[in-house]
Amino acid sequence: MRPFIALTLALLAVPAGLDAQVCYNGHPKPACSAFVVTNFGGYLLLGPDDWGDGPWREVADWGAMVNVGEKDAVGGSVFASLDRVGVLLGPEVRYRRWLSASAALDIGVGTPLVSSTGNISGSITGLVRWSPTPWLAVAARPEALRWTSAVNCGPTGCRTATRYHPRISIGAEIGGISGAVFTGLGTVGTYLMYLAVANLD
């Protein structure tokens, strides 16, 4: 995680050192040389899986990107996801293609480094995101979660098996200041819901 944080800071430091424009709401050059990413979204998980505790998911995605040309930007972010698998946290490399002065297509790939429900190291996450404006987007997040579990348990112990579990979620995201605000509200709301459920038990 530390190398990724250092990369994000470096992405912001490069244009700042060139006396360039760092924006909060992303736009292509010449309006912005770099911009921050503060997205929050709600998603619907499609298809059956082994967990089955509800189809809803929330994702916060924060990072930074640098415009390397008039139409292209590259950078990275850290995503935090909460769904029926639990909490996932990890880095993501991002590419953005500007379609106009405000519309863009984002493609990303990453891997969760932290999971609240067990070892899923080696999992792959993806992102395809279309935003007509800096503050609103629709997105799909395909994933292949690498899950290790115990099977064939007997008197001598259990044998472990590892497999990839593909899934996809689609939803909408908000960005900019709204994304930052809703990340905080979503965090507080989720925590209060957790406390309510815990008290019912």
N, C-alpha and C. Protein backbone atom coordinates (compact mmCIF):
# COMPACT_ATOMS: atom_id res chain seq x y z
N MET A 1 0.82 -1.20 0.00
CA MET A 1 0.00 0.00 0.00
C MET A 1 0.86 1.26 0.00
N ARG A 2 1.99 1.24 0.71
CA ARG A 2 2.84 2.43 0.78
C ARG A 2 3.36 2.85 -0.59
N PRO A 3 3.83 1.92 -1.46
CA PRO A 3 4.26 2.35 -2.79
C PRO A 3 3.15 3.01 -3.59
N PHE A 4 1.91 2.53 -3.41
CA PHE A 4 0.80 3.11 -4.15
C PHE A 4 0.51 4.53 -3.67
N ILE A 5 0.54 4.74 -2.36
CA ILE A 5 0.34 6.09 -1.82
C ILE A 5 1.42 7.03 -2.32
N ALA A 6 2.67 6.54 -2.36
CA ALA A 6 3.77 7.36 -2.85
C ALA A 6 3.56 7.72 -4.32
N LEU A 7 3.04 6.76 -5.11
CA LEU A 7 2.77 7.03 -6.52
C LEU A 7 1.71 8.09 -6.67
N THR A 8 0.64 8.01 -5.87
CA THR A 8 -0.43 9.00 -5.94
C THR A 8 0.08 10.40 -5.62
N LEU A 9 0.90 10.52 -4.58
CA LEU A 9 1.46 11.81 -4.22
C LEU A 9 2.38 12.34 -5.31
N ALA A 10 3.12 11.42 -5.94
CA ALA A 10 4.02 11.84 -7.01
C ALA A 10 3.24 12.35 -8.21
N LEU A 11 2.10 11.72 -8.50
CA LEU A 11 1.28 12.17 -9.63
C LEU A 11 0.79 13.59 -9.42
N LEU A 12 0.49 13.93 -8.17
CA LEU A 12 0.06 15.30 -7.88
C LEU A 12 1.23 16.26 -7.84
N ALA A 13 2.38 15.78 -7.41
CA ALA A 13 3.54 16.66 -7.25
C ALA A 13 4.13 17.07 -8.59
N VAL A 14 4.07 16.17 -9.59
CA VAL A 14 4.69 16.48 -10.88
C VAL A 14 4.08 17.71 -11.54
N PRO A 15 2.73 17.73 -11.74
CA PRO A 15 2.18 18.95 -12.35
C PRO A 15 2.28 20.17 -11.45
N ALA A 16 2.21 19.96 -10.13
CA ALA A 16 2.33 21.10 -9.23
C ALA A 16 3.71 21.73 -9.35
N GLY A 17 4.73 20.87 -9.53
CA GLY A 17 6.09 21.37 -9.67
C GLY A 17 6.29 22.11 -10.97
N LEU A 18 5.45 21.84 -11.94
CA LEU A 18 5.54 22.53 -13.23
C LEU A 18 4.66 23.77 -13.27
N ASP A 19 4.18 24.18 -12.10
CA ASP A 19 3.30 25.35 -12.01
C ASP A 19 2.07 25.17 -12.87
N ALA A 20 1.51 23.97 -12.83
CA ALA A 20 0.35 23.65 -13.64
C ALA A 20 -0.91 23.66 -12.77
N GLN A 21 -2.05 23.47 -13.43
CA GLN A 21 -3.34 23.56 -12.76
C GLN A 21 -3.79 22.19 -12.25
N VAL A 22 -3.92 22.04 -10.93
CA VAL A 22 -4.47 20.83 -10.32
C VAL A 22 -5.91 21.12 -9.94
N CYS A 23 -6.84 20.34 -10.47
CA CYS A 23 -8.27 20.61 -10.31
C CYS A 23 -8.92 19.59 -9.39
N TYR A 24 -10.00 20.03 -8.76
CA TYR A 24 -10.79 19.11 -7.95
C TYR A 24 -11.81 18.39 -8.82
N ASN A 25 -12.47 19.12 -9.72
CA ASN A 25 -13.35 18.49 -10.71
C ASN A 25 -12.55 18.33 -12.00
N GLY A 26 -12.39 17.09 -12.44
CA GLY A 26 -11.52 16.81 -13.56
C GLY A 26 -12.00 17.36 -14.89
N HIS A 27 -11.05 17.90 -15.66
CA HIS A 27 -11.27 18.34 -17.04
C HIS A 27 -9.98 18.09 -17.80
N PRO A 28 -10.05 17.99 -19.12
CA PRO A 28 -8.82 17.78 -19.90
C PRO A 28 -7.97 19.04 -19.97
N LYS A 29 -6.77 18.89 -20.54
CA LYS A 29 -5.93 20.05 -20.81
C LYS A 29 -6.62 20.95 -21.81
N PRO A 30 -6.40 22.26 -21.75
CA PRO A 30 -5.49 23.00 -20.86
C PRO A 30 -6.12 23.42 -19.53
N ALA A 31 -7.42 23.07 -19.32
CA ALA A 31 -8.08 23.48 -18.08
C ALA A 31 -7.41 22.86 -16.86
N CYS A 32 -7.00 21.60 -16.96
CA CYS A 32 -6.39 20.90 -15.83
C CYS A 32 -5.19 20.10 -16.32
N SER A 33 -4.11 20.15 -15.57
CA SER A 33 -2.98 19.26 -15.81
C SER A 33 -3.08 18.00 -14.98
N ALA A 34 -3.75 18.09 -13.84
CA ALA A 34 -3.99 16.94 -12.97
C ALA A 34 -5.27 17.19 -12.19
N PHE A 35 -5.84 16.13 -11.66
CA PHE A 35 -7.09 16.26 -10.92
C PHE A 35 -7.20 15.11 -9.93
N VAL A 36 -7.98 15.36 -8.88
CA VAL A 36 -8.21 14.33 -7.86
C VAL A 36 -9.48 13.57 -8.19
N VAL A 37 -9.56 12.35 -7.68
CA VAL A 37 -10.71 11.48 -7.88
C VAL A 37 -11.36 11.24 -6.52
N THR A 38 -12.61 11.64 -6.35
CA THR A 38 -13.36 11.39 -5.12
C THR A 38 -14.74 10.88 -5.51
N ASN A 39 -14.86 9.59 -5.73
CA ASN A 39 -16.11 8.99 -6.21
C ASN A 39 -16.74 8.12 -5.13
N PHE A 40 -18.07 8.13 -5.12
CA PHE A 40 -18.84 7.25 -4.24
C PHE A 40 -20.03 6.73 -5.03
N GLY A 41 -20.30 5.41 -4.94
CA GLY A 41 -21.37 4.85 -5.75
C GLY A 41 -22.12 3.72 -5.08
N GLY A 42 -23.34 3.51 -5.57
CA GLY A 42 -24.16 2.37 -5.18
C GLY A 42 -24.29 1.42 -6.35
N TYR A 43 -24.17 0.12 -6.08
CA TYR A 43 -24.14 -0.89 -7.14
C TYR A 43 -25.12 -2.02 -6.85
N LEU A 44 -25.50 -2.70 -7.93
CA LEU A 44 -26.31 -3.91 -7.86
C LEU A 44 -25.47 -5.08 -8.36
N LEU A 45 -25.28 -6.09 -7.53
CA LEU A 45 -24.53 -7.28 -7.92
C LEU A 45 -25.43 -8.20 -8.73
N LEU A 46 -24.95 -8.60 -9.91
CA LEU A 46 -25.74 -9.42 -10.82
C LEU A 46 -25.34 -10.89 -10.71
N GLY A 47 -26.34 -11.76 -10.83
CA GLY A 47 -26.07 -13.19 -10.87
C GLY A 47 -25.94 -13.81 -9.50
N PRO A 48 -26.16 -15.13 -9.40
CA PRO A 48 -26.02 -15.83 -8.12
C PRO A 48 -24.57 -16.01 -7.73
N ASP A 49 -24.34 -16.14 -6.43
CA ASP A 49 -23.01 -16.50 -5.96
C ASP A 49 -23.13 -17.30 -4.68
N ASP A 50 -22.02 -17.55 -4.02
CA ASP A 50 -22.01 -18.43 -2.85
C ASP A 50 -22.37 -17.73 -1.55
N TRP A 51 -22.52 -16.38 -1.58
CA TRP A 51 -22.73 -15.66 -0.33
C TRP A 51 -24.20 -15.37 -0.09
N GLY A 52 -24.85 -14.77 -1.06
CA GLY A 52 -26.29 -14.62 -1.04
C GLY A 52 -26.87 -13.82 0.11
N ASP A 53 -26.21 -12.78 0.58
CA ASP A 53 -26.71 -11.97 1.67
C ASP A 53 -27.29 -10.63 1.22
N GLY A 54 -27.62 -10.50 -0.05
CA GLY A 54 -28.17 -9.25 -0.56
C GLY A 54 -27.41 -8.76 -1.77
N PRO A 55 -28.11 -8.10 -2.71
CA PRO A 55 -27.47 -7.73 -3.97
C PRO A 55 -26.81 -6.37 -3.98
N TRP A 56 -26.85 -5.62 -2.87
CA TRP A 56 -26.40 -4.23 -2.90
C TRP A 56 -24.94 -4.10 -2.50
N ARG A 57 -24.32 -3.06 -3.05
CA ARG A 57 -22.91 -2.81 -2.80
C ARG A 57 -22.65 -1.31 -2.82
N GLU A 58 -21.74 -0.84 -1.96
CA GLU A 58 -21.31 0.55 -2.01
C GLU A 58 -19.80 0.60 -2.17
N VAL A 59 -19.33 1.55 -2.97
CA VAL A 59 -17.91 1.65 -3.29
C VAL A 59 -17.48 3.11 -3.19
N ALA A 60 -16.40 3.35 -2.47
CA ALA A 60 -15.72 4.65 -2.46
C ALA A 60 -14.40 4.49 -3.18
N ASP A 61 -14.05 5.45 -4.04
CA ASP A 61 -12.87 5.34 -4.90
C ASP A 61 -12.18 6.71 -4.93
N TRP A 62 -11.00 6.81 -4.29
CA TRP A 62 -10.30 8.08 -4.18
C TRP A 62 -8.88 7.95 -4.73
N GLY A 63 -8.43 8.97 -5.46
CA GLY A 63 -7.07 8.94 -6.00
C GLY A 63 -6.74 10.22 -6.74
N ALA A 64 -5.86 10.09 -7.73
CA ALA A 64 -5.41 11.25 -8.51
C ALA A 64 -5.03 10.79 -9.90
N MET A 65 -5.18 11.70 -10.88
CA MET A 65 -4.83 11.40 -12.27
C MET A 65 -4.12 12.60 -12.88
N VAL A 66 -3.28 12.32 -13.86
CA VAL A 66 -2.53 13.36 -14.58
C VAL A 66 -2.93 13.31 -16.04
N ASN A 67 -3.25 14.46 -16.62
CA ASN A 67 -3.51 14.55 -18.05
C ASN A 67 -2.19 14.50 -18.81
N VAL A 68 -1.96 13.40 -19.52
CA VAL A 68 -0.71 13.24 -20.26
C VAL A 68 -0.85 13.75 -21.70
N GLY A 69 -2.03 14.13 -22.09
CA GLY A 69 -2.29 14.70 -23.40
C GLY A 69 -3.65 15.39 -23.37
N GLU A 70 -4.08 15.89 -24.51
CA GLU A 70 -5.36 16.58 -24.55
C GLU A 70 -6.53 15.63 -24.38
N LYS A 71 -6.34 14.34 -24.68
CA LYS A 71 -7.43 13.37 -24.61
C LYS A 71 -7.20 12.25 -23.61
N ASP A 72 -6.01 12.16 -23.02
CA ASP A 72 -5.66 11.00 -22.20
C ASP A 72 -5.17 11.41 -20.82
N ALA A 73 -5.58 10.61 -19.81
CA ALA A 73 -5.12 10.80 -18.44
C ALA A 73 -4.82 9.44 -17.83
N VAL A 74 -3.82 9.39 -16.96
CA VAL A 74 -3.47 8.17 -16.26
C VAL A 74 -3.30 8.48 -14.78
N GLY A 75 -3.46 7.48 -13.96
CA GLY A 75 -3.31 7.68 -12.52
C GLY A 75 -3.68 6.45 -11.74
N GLY A 76 -4.06 6.65 -10.51
CA GLY A 76 -4.40 5.54 -9.64
C GLY A 76 -5.34 5.98 -8.54
N SER A 77 -5.93 5.01 -7.89
CA SER A 77 -6.85 5.29 -6.80
C SER A 77 -6.83 4.13 -5.82
N VAL A 78 -7.45 4.35 -4.68
CA VAL A 78 -7.67 3.30 -3.70
C VAL A 78 -9.18 3.15 -3.53
N PHE A 79 -9.68 1.92 -3.71
CA PHE A 79 -11.11 1.68 -3.59
C PHE A 79 -11.41 0.95 -2.29
N ALA A 80 -12.56 1.26 -1.71
CA ALA A 80 -13.09 0.55 -0.55
C ALA A 80 -14.50 0.12 -0.89
N SER A 81 -14.77 -1.17 -0.75
CA SER A 81 -16.05 -1.74 -1.16
C SER A 81 -16.68 -2.48 0.00
N LEU A 82 -18.00 -2.35 0.14
CA LEU A 82 -18.74 -3.09 1.15
C LEU A 82 -19.92 -3.78 0.47
N ASP A 83 -19.97 -5.11 0.57
CA ASP A 83 -21.07 -5.89 0.02
C ASP A 83 -21.16 -7.20 0.78
N ARG A 84 -21.84 -8.21 0.20
CA ARG A 84 -22.06 -9.46 0.91
C ARG A 84 -20.79 -10.26 1.13
N VAL A 85 -19.71 -9.95 0.41
CA VAL A 85 -18.42 -10.58 0.68
C VAL A 85 -17.78 -9.98 1.92
N GLY A 86 -18.14 -8.76 2.25
CA GLY A 86 -17.53 -8.03 3.35
C GLY A 86 -16.88 -6.76 2.85
N VAL A 87 -15.84 -6.34 3.52
CA VAL A 87 -15.11 -5.13 3.15
C VAL A 87 -13.89 -5.52 2.32
N LEU A 88 -13.74 -4.87 1.17
CA LEU A 88 -12.56 -5.05 0.32
C LEU A 88 -11.87 -3.70 0.18
N LEU A 89 -10.54 -3.71 0.22
CA LEU A 89 -9.76 -2.48 0.11
C LEU A 89 -8.52 -2.76 -0.71
N GLY A 90 -8.26 -1.90 -1.72
CA GLY A 90 -7.07 -2.14 -2.53
C GLY A 90 -6.82 -1.04 -3.54
N PRO A 91 -5.67 -1.09 -4.20
CA PRO A 91 -5.29 -0.08 -5.20
C PRO A 91 -5.83 -0.43 -6.58
N GLU A 92 -5.89 0.60 -7.43
CA GLU A 92 -6.39 0.43 -8.79
C GLU A 92 -5.63 1.38 -9.71
N VAL A 93 -5.18 0.89 -10.85
CA VAL A 93 -4.56 1.72 -11.88
C VAL A 93 -5.65 2.14 -12.85
N ARG A 94 -5.65 3.43 -13.22
CA ARG A 94 -6.75 3.98 -14.02
C ARG A 94 -6.23 4.65 -15.30
N TYR A 95 -7.04 4.54 -16.34
CA TYR A 95 -6.82 5.28 -17.59
C TYR A 95 -8.12 5.99 -17.94
N ARG A 96 -8.02 7.26 -18.35
CA ARG A 96 -9.20 8.03 -18.75
C ARG A 96 -9.02 8.56 -20.15
N ARG A 97 -10.07 8.39 -20.95
CA ARG A 97 -10.13 8.98 -22.29
C ARG A 97 -11.20 10.07 -22.27
N TRP A 98 -10.75 11.30 -22.50
CA TRP A 98 -11.69 12.41 -22.52
C TRP A 98 -12.48 12.39 -23.82
N LEU A 99 -13.82 12.41 -23.70
CA LEU A 99 -14.71 12.41 -24.87
C LEU A 99 -15.15 13.82 -25.23
N SER A 100 -15.06 14.73 -24.27
CA SER A 100 -15.37 16.15 -24.48
C SER A 100 -14.72 16.92 -23.34
N ALA A 101 -15.11 18.18 -23.17
CA ALA A 101 -14.54 18.99 -22.10
C ALA A 101 -14.94 18.49 -20.71
N SER A 102 -16.01 17.67 -20.62
CA SER A 102 -16.45 17.17 -19.32
C SER A 102 -16.77 15.68 -19.32
N ALA A 103 -17.10 15.09 -20.46
CA ALA A 103 -17.44 13.67 -20.53
C ALA A 103 -16.18 12.83 -20.68
N ALA A 104 -16.20 11.63 -20.09
CA ALA A 104 -15.00 10.79 -20.12
C ALA A 104 -15.36 9.31 -19.97
N LEU A 105 -14.46 8.46 -20.43
CA LEU A 105 -14.55 7.02 -20.24
C LEU A 105 -13.34 6.57 -19.45
N ASP A 106 -13.58 5.91 -18.32
CA ASP A 106 -12.51 5.41 -17.45
C ASP A 106 -12.43 3.89 -17.52
N ILE A 107 -11.20 3.38 -17.53
CA ILE A 107 -10.95 1.95 -17.46
C ILE A 107 -9.91 1.73 -16.36
N GLY A 108 -10.17 0.76 -15.49
CA GLY A 108 -9.24 0.52 -14.39
C GLY A 108 -9.09 -0.96 -14.10
N VAL A 109 -7.98 -1.31 -13.48
CA VAL A 109 -7.76 -2.68 -13.01
C VAL A 109 -7.01 -2.61 -11.69
N GLY A 110 -7.38 -3.47 -10.77
CA GLY A 110 -6.76 -3.43 -9.45
C GLY A 110 -6.84 -4.78 -8.76
N THR A 111 -6.51 -4.78 -7.49
CA THR A 111 -6.57 -6.01 -6.70
C THR A 111 -6.82 -5.64 -5.24
N PRO A 112 -7.72 -6.34 -4.56
CA PRO A 112 -7.93 -6.07 -3.13
C PRO A 112 -6.77 -6.61 -2.31
N LEU A 113 -6.24 -5.77 -1.43
CA LEU A 113 -5.16 -6.19 -0.54
C LEU A 113 -5.67 -6.52 0.86
N VAL A 114 -6.87 -6.02 1.20
CA VAL A 114 -7.45 -6.24 2.52
C VAL A 114 -8.86 -6.76 2.34
N SER A 115 -9.21 -7.82 3.09
CA SER A 115 -10.56 -8.37 3.08
C SER A 115 -10.98 -8.68 4.50
N SER A 116 -12.23 -8.41 4.82
CA SER A 116 -12.73 -8.67 6.17
C SER A 116 -13.19 -10.10 6.35
N THR A 117 -13.22 -10.90 5.27
CA THR A 117 -13.79 -12.24 5.36
C THR A 117 -12.81 -13.35 5.01
N GLY A 118 -11.54 -13.05 4.88
CA GLY A 118 -10.59 -14.11 4.61
C GLY A 118 -9.57 -13.73 3.56
N ASN A 119 -8.77 -14.70 3.17
CA ASN A 119 -7.69 -14.47 2.22
C ASN A 119 -8.20 -14.54 0.79
N ILE A 120 -8.15 -13.41 0.09
CA ILE A 120 -8.52 -13.39 -1.33
C ILE A 120 -7.38 -12.81 -2.15
N SER A 121 -6.15 -13.01 -1.71
CA SER A 121 -4.99 -12.49 -2.43
C SER A 121 -4.94 -13.10 -3.82
N GLY A 122 -4.55 -12.29 -4.78
CA GLY A 122 -4.54 -12.73 -6.17
C GLY A 122 -5.82 -12.44 -6.91
N SER A 123 -6.81 -11.83 -6.24
CA SER A 123 -8.05 -11.46 -6.91
C SER A 123 -7.82 -10.29 -7.85
N ILE A 124 -8.68 -10.17 -8.85
CA ILE A 124 -8.57 -9.11 -9.85
C ILE A 124 -9.88 -8.33 -9.89
N THR A 125 -9.79 -7.02 -9.85
CA THR A 125 -10.97 -6.17 -9.97
C THR A 125 -10.83 -5.27 -11.20
N GLY A 126 -11.96 -4.92 -11.79
CA GLY A 126 -11.95 -4.08 -12.97
C GLY A 126 -12.96 -2.95 -12.85
N LEU A 127 -12.83 -1.98 -13.73
CA LEU A 127 -13.74 -0.83 -13.76
C LEU A 127 -13.91 -0.35 -15.19
N VAL A 128 -15.16 -0.17 -15.59
CA VAL A 128 -15.51 0.51 -16.84
C VAL A 128 -16.54 1.57 -16.46
N ARG A 129 -16.20 2.85 -16.69
CA ARG A 129 -16.99 3.95 -16.13
C ARG A 129 -17.18 5.04 -17.18
N TRP A 130 -18.43 5.42 -17.43
CA TRP A 130 -18.72 6.52 -18.35
C TRP A 130 -19.35 7.66 -17.56
N SER A 131 -18.76 8.86 -17.68
CA SER A 131 -19.25 10.02 -16.96
C SER A 131 -19.56 11.15 -17.93
N PRO A 132 -20.83 11.56 -18.05
CA PRO A 132 -21.16 12.71 -18.90
C PRO A 132 -20.73 14.03 -18.29
N THR A 133 -20.58 14.06 -16.97
CA THR A 133 -20.12 15.24 -16.24
C THR A 133 -19.14 14.77 -15.16
N PRO A 134 -18.35 15.68 -14.57
CA PRO A 134 -17.41 15.26 -13.52
C PRO A 134 -18.09 14.74 -12.25
N TRP A 135 -19.38 15.03 -12.06
CA TRP A 135 -20.02 14.67 -10.79
C TRP A 135 -21.01 13.51 -10.90
N LEU A 136 -21.18 12.93 -12.08
CA LEU A 136 -22.13 11.82 -12.24
C LEU A 136 -21.60 10.82 -13.25
N ALA A 137 -21.80 9.52 -12.97
CA ALA A 137 -21.31 8.48 -13.87
C ALA A 137 -22.12 7.20 -13.68
N VAL A 138 -22.11 6.38 -14.73
CA VAL A 138 -22.60 5.01 -14.63
C VAL A 138 -21.39 4.10 -14.82
N ALA A 139 -21.37 2.97 -14.13
CA ALA A 139 -20.16 2.15 -14.13
C ALA A 139 -20.49 0.68 -13.97
N ALA A 140 -19.57 -0.15 -14.43
CA ALA A 140 -19.62 -1.59 -14.22
C ALA A 140 -18.29 -2.02 -13.60
N ARG A 141 -18.36 -2.94 -12.66
CA ARG A 141 -17.16 -3.44 -11.98
C ARG A 141 -17.11 -4.97 -12.08
N PRO A 142 -16.44 -5.49 -13.12
CA PRO A 142 -16.23 -6.94 -13.19
C PRO A 142 -15.10 -7.37 -12.26
N GLU A 143 -15.22 -8.57 -11.70
CA GLU A 143 -14.23 -9.05 -10.75
C GLU A 143 -14.03 -10.55 -10.89
N ALA A 144 -12.87 -10.99 -10.49
CA ALA A 144 -12.59 -12.42 -10.32
C ALA A 144 -11.95 -12.57 -8.95
N LEU A 145 -12.75 -12.98 -7.97
CA LEU A 145 -12.27 -13.11 -6.60
C LEU A 145 -11.63 -14.48 -6.41
N ARG A 146 -10.41 -14.49 -5.98
CA ARG A 146 -9.66 -15.74 -5.74
C ARG A 146 -9.89 -16.15 -4.29
N TRP A 147 -10.68 -17.21 -4.12
CA TRP A 147 -11.15 -17.58 -2.79
C TRP A 147 -10.56 -18.93 -2.40
N THR A 148 -10.02 -19.01 -1.19
CA THR A 148 -9.48 -20.26 -0.65
C THR A 148 -10.36 -20.72 0.49
N SER A 149 -10.84 -21.98 0.43
CA SER A 149 -11.72 -22.51 1.46
C SER A 149 -11.36 -23.96 1.75
N ALA A 150 -11.82 -24.43 2.89
CA ALA A 150 -11.56 -25.80 3.30
C ALA A 150 -12.60 -26.74 2.70
N VAL A 151 -12.15 -27.87 2.17
CA VAL A 151 -13.04 -28.89 1.60
C VAL A 151 -12.59 -30.26 2.06
N ASN A 152 -13.48 -31.23 1.93
CA ASN A 152 -13.17 -32.63 2.24
C ASN A 152 -12.55 -32.78 3.63
N CYS A 153 -13.26 -32.27 4.61
CA CYS A 153 -12.76 -32.37 5.98
C CYS A 153 -13.00 -33.77 6.53
N GLY A 154 -12.02 -34.31 7.22
CA GLY A 154 -12.10 -35.64 7.81
C GLY A 154 -11.34 -35.71 9.10
N PRO A 155 -11.15 -36.93 9.61
CA PRO A 155 -10.44 -37.10 10.89
C PRO A 155 -9.02 -36.55 10.87
N THR A 156 -8.40 -36.54 9.72
CA THR A 156 -7.01 -36.09 9.63
C THR A 156 -6.88 -34.61 9.29
N GLY A 157 -8.02 -33.94 9.14
CA GLY A 157 -7.97 -32.52 8.82
C GLY A 157 -8.73 -32.17 7.55
N CYS A 158 -8.51 -30.98 7.04
CA CYS A 158 -9.22 -30.50 5.86
C CYS A 158 -8.23 -30.17 4.75
N ARG A 159 -8.66 -30.42 3.55
CA ARG A 159 -7.89 -30.03 2.37
C ARG A 159 -8.44 -28.70 1.86
N THR A 160 -7.57 -27.80 1.47
CA THR A 160 -8.00 -26.50 0.98
C THR A 160 -8.06 -26.49 -0.55
N ALA A 161 -8.99 -25.71 -1.05
CA ALA A 161 -9.14 -25.56 -2.50
C ALA A 161 -9.23 -24.08 -2.83
N THR A 162 -8.60 -23.67 -3.91
CA THR A 162 -8.61 -22.28 -4.36
C THR A 162 -9.26 -22.20 -5.73
N ARG A 163 -10.17 -21.25 -5.88
CA ARG A 163 -10.83 -21.07 -7.17
C ARG A 163 -11.16 -19.59 -7.36
N TYR A 164 -11.38 -19.22 -8.61
CA TYR A 164 -11.78 -17.86 -8.95
C TYR A 164 -13.30 -17.80 -9.06
N HIS A 165 -13.84 -16.79 -8.45
CA HIS A 165 -15.29 -16.59 -8.48
C HIS A 165 -15.59 -15.31 -9.27
N PRO A 166 -16.05 -15.42 -10.52
CA PRO A 166 -16.34 -14.22 -11.31
C PRO A 166 -17.69 -13.62 -10.91
N ARG A 167 -17.75 -12.30 -10.94
CA ARG A 167 -19.01 -11.60 -10.70
C ARG A 167 -18.91 -10.21 -11.30
N ILE A 168 -20.06 -9.54 -11.42
CA ILE A 168 -20.08 -8.19 -11.96
C ILE A 168 -21.15 -7.39 -11.24
N SER A 169 -20.88 -6.11 -11.03
CA SER A 169 -21.86 -5.21 -10.43
C SER A 169 -21.97 -3.97 -11.31
N ILE A 170 -23.17 -3.44 -11.41
CA ILE A 170 -23.42 -2.22 -12.19
C ILE A 170 -24.09 -1.21 -11.27
N GLY A 171 -23.81 0.07 -11.53
CA GLY A 171 -24.40 1.08 -10.69
C GLY A 171 -24.08 2.49 -11.14
N ALA A 172 -24.27 3.43 -10.24
CA ALA A 172 -24.04 4.85 -10.53
C ALA A 172 -23.12 5.42 -9.46
N GLU A 173 -22.32 6.40 -9.87
CA GLU A 173 -21.39 7.06 -8.95
C GLU A 173 -21.56 8.57 -9.04
N ILE A 174 -21.25 9.24 -7.94
CA ILE A 174 -21.14 10.69 -7.93
C ILE A 174 -19.71 11.04 -7.58
N GLY A 175 -19.25 12.19 -8.10
CA GLY A 175 -17.86 12.57 -7.90
C GLY A 175 -17.73 14.00 -7.41
N GLY A 176 -16.48 14.46 -7.38
CA GLY A 176 -16.22 15.82 -6.93
C GLY A 176 -16.54 16.00 -5.45
N ILE A 177 -17.00 17.18 -5.10
CA ILE A 177 -17.34 17.47 -3.71
C ILE A 177 -18.48 16.58 -3.24
N SER A 178 -19.45 16.32 -4.13
CA SER A 178 -20.57 15.44 -3.76
C SER A 178 -20.07 14.04 -3.42
N GLY A 179 -19.10 13.55 -4.19
CA GLY A 179 -18.55 12.24 -3.90
C GLY A 179 -17.87 12.18 -2.55
N ALA A 180 -17.14 13.26 -2.21
CA ALA A 180 -16.48 13.31 -0.91
C ALA A 180 -17.50 13.34 0.22
N VAL A 181 -18.55 14.16 0.06
CA VAL A 181 -19.57 14.28 1.10
C VAL A 181 -20.29 12.94 1.29
N PHE A 182 -20.69 12.31 0.18
CA PHE A 182 -21.44 11.06 0.29
C PHE A 182 -20.57 9.91 0.77
N THR A 183 -19.26 9.96 0.56
CA THR A 183 -18.38 8.96 1.16
C THR A 183 -18.49 9.03 2.68
N GLY A 184 -18.45 10.24 3.23
CA GLY A 184 -18.60 10.40 4.67
C GLY A 184 -19.96 9.97 5.17
N LEU A 185 -21.02 10.40 4.45
CA LEU A 185 -22.38 10.02 4.86
C LEU A 185 -22.59 8.52 4.77
N GLY A 186 -22.05 7.90 3.70
CA GLY A 186 -22.19 6.46 3.54
C GLY A 186 -21.47 5.70 4.64
N THR A 187 -20.29 6.19 5.02
CA THR A 187 -19.54 5.54 6.10
C THR A 187 -20.30 5.61 7.42
N VAL A 188 -20.81 6.79 7.74
CA VAL A 188 -21.57 6.95 8.98
C VAL A 188 -22.85 6.12 8.94
N GLY A 189 -23.57 6.16 7.83
CA GLY A 189 -24.81 5.41 7.72
C GLY A 189 -24.59 3.91 7.84
N THR A 190 -23.54 3.41 7.21
CA THR A 190 -23.25 1.98 7.29
C THR A 190 -22.90 1.58 8.72
N TYR A 191 -22.14 2.42 9.40
CA TYR A 191 -21.78 2.11 10.79
C TYR A 191 -23.02 2.10 11.69
N LEU A 192 -23.93 3.05 11.49
CA LEU A 192 -25.14 3.09 12.30
C LEU A 192 -26.02 1.87 12.02
N MET A 193 -26.09 1.43 10.77
CA MET A 193 -26.84 0.23 10.44
C MET A 193 -26.23 -1.00 11.09
N TYR A 194 -24.90 -1.05 11.11
CA TYR A 194 -24.20 -2.16 11.76
C TYR A 194 -24.53 -2.20 13.25
N LEU A 195 -24.52 -1.02 13.90
CA LEU A 195 -24.85 -0.97 15.32
C LEU A 195 -26.29 -1.41 15.58
N ALA A 196 -27.21 -1.00 14.69
CA ALA A 196 -28.61 -1.37 14.86
C ALA A 196 -28.79 -2.88 14.74
N VAL A 197 -28.15 -3.48 13.74
CA VAL A 197 -28.26 -4.93 13.56
C VAL A 197 -27.63 -5.68 14.72
N ALA A 198 -26.48 -5.16 15.20
CA ALA A 198 -25.81 -5.80 16.32
C ALA A 198 -26.67 -5.77 17.58
N ASN A 199 -27.41 -4.67 17.81
CA ASN A 199 -28.26 -4.56 18.97
C ASN A 199 -29.46 -5.49 18.88
N LEU A 200 -29.96 -5.73 17.65
CA LEU A 200 -31.06 -6.66 17.47
C LEU A 200 -30.67 -8.09 17.80
N ASP A 201 -29.40 -8.42 17.53
CA ASP A 201 -28.91 -9.76 17.84
C ASP A 201 -28.71 -9.94 19.34
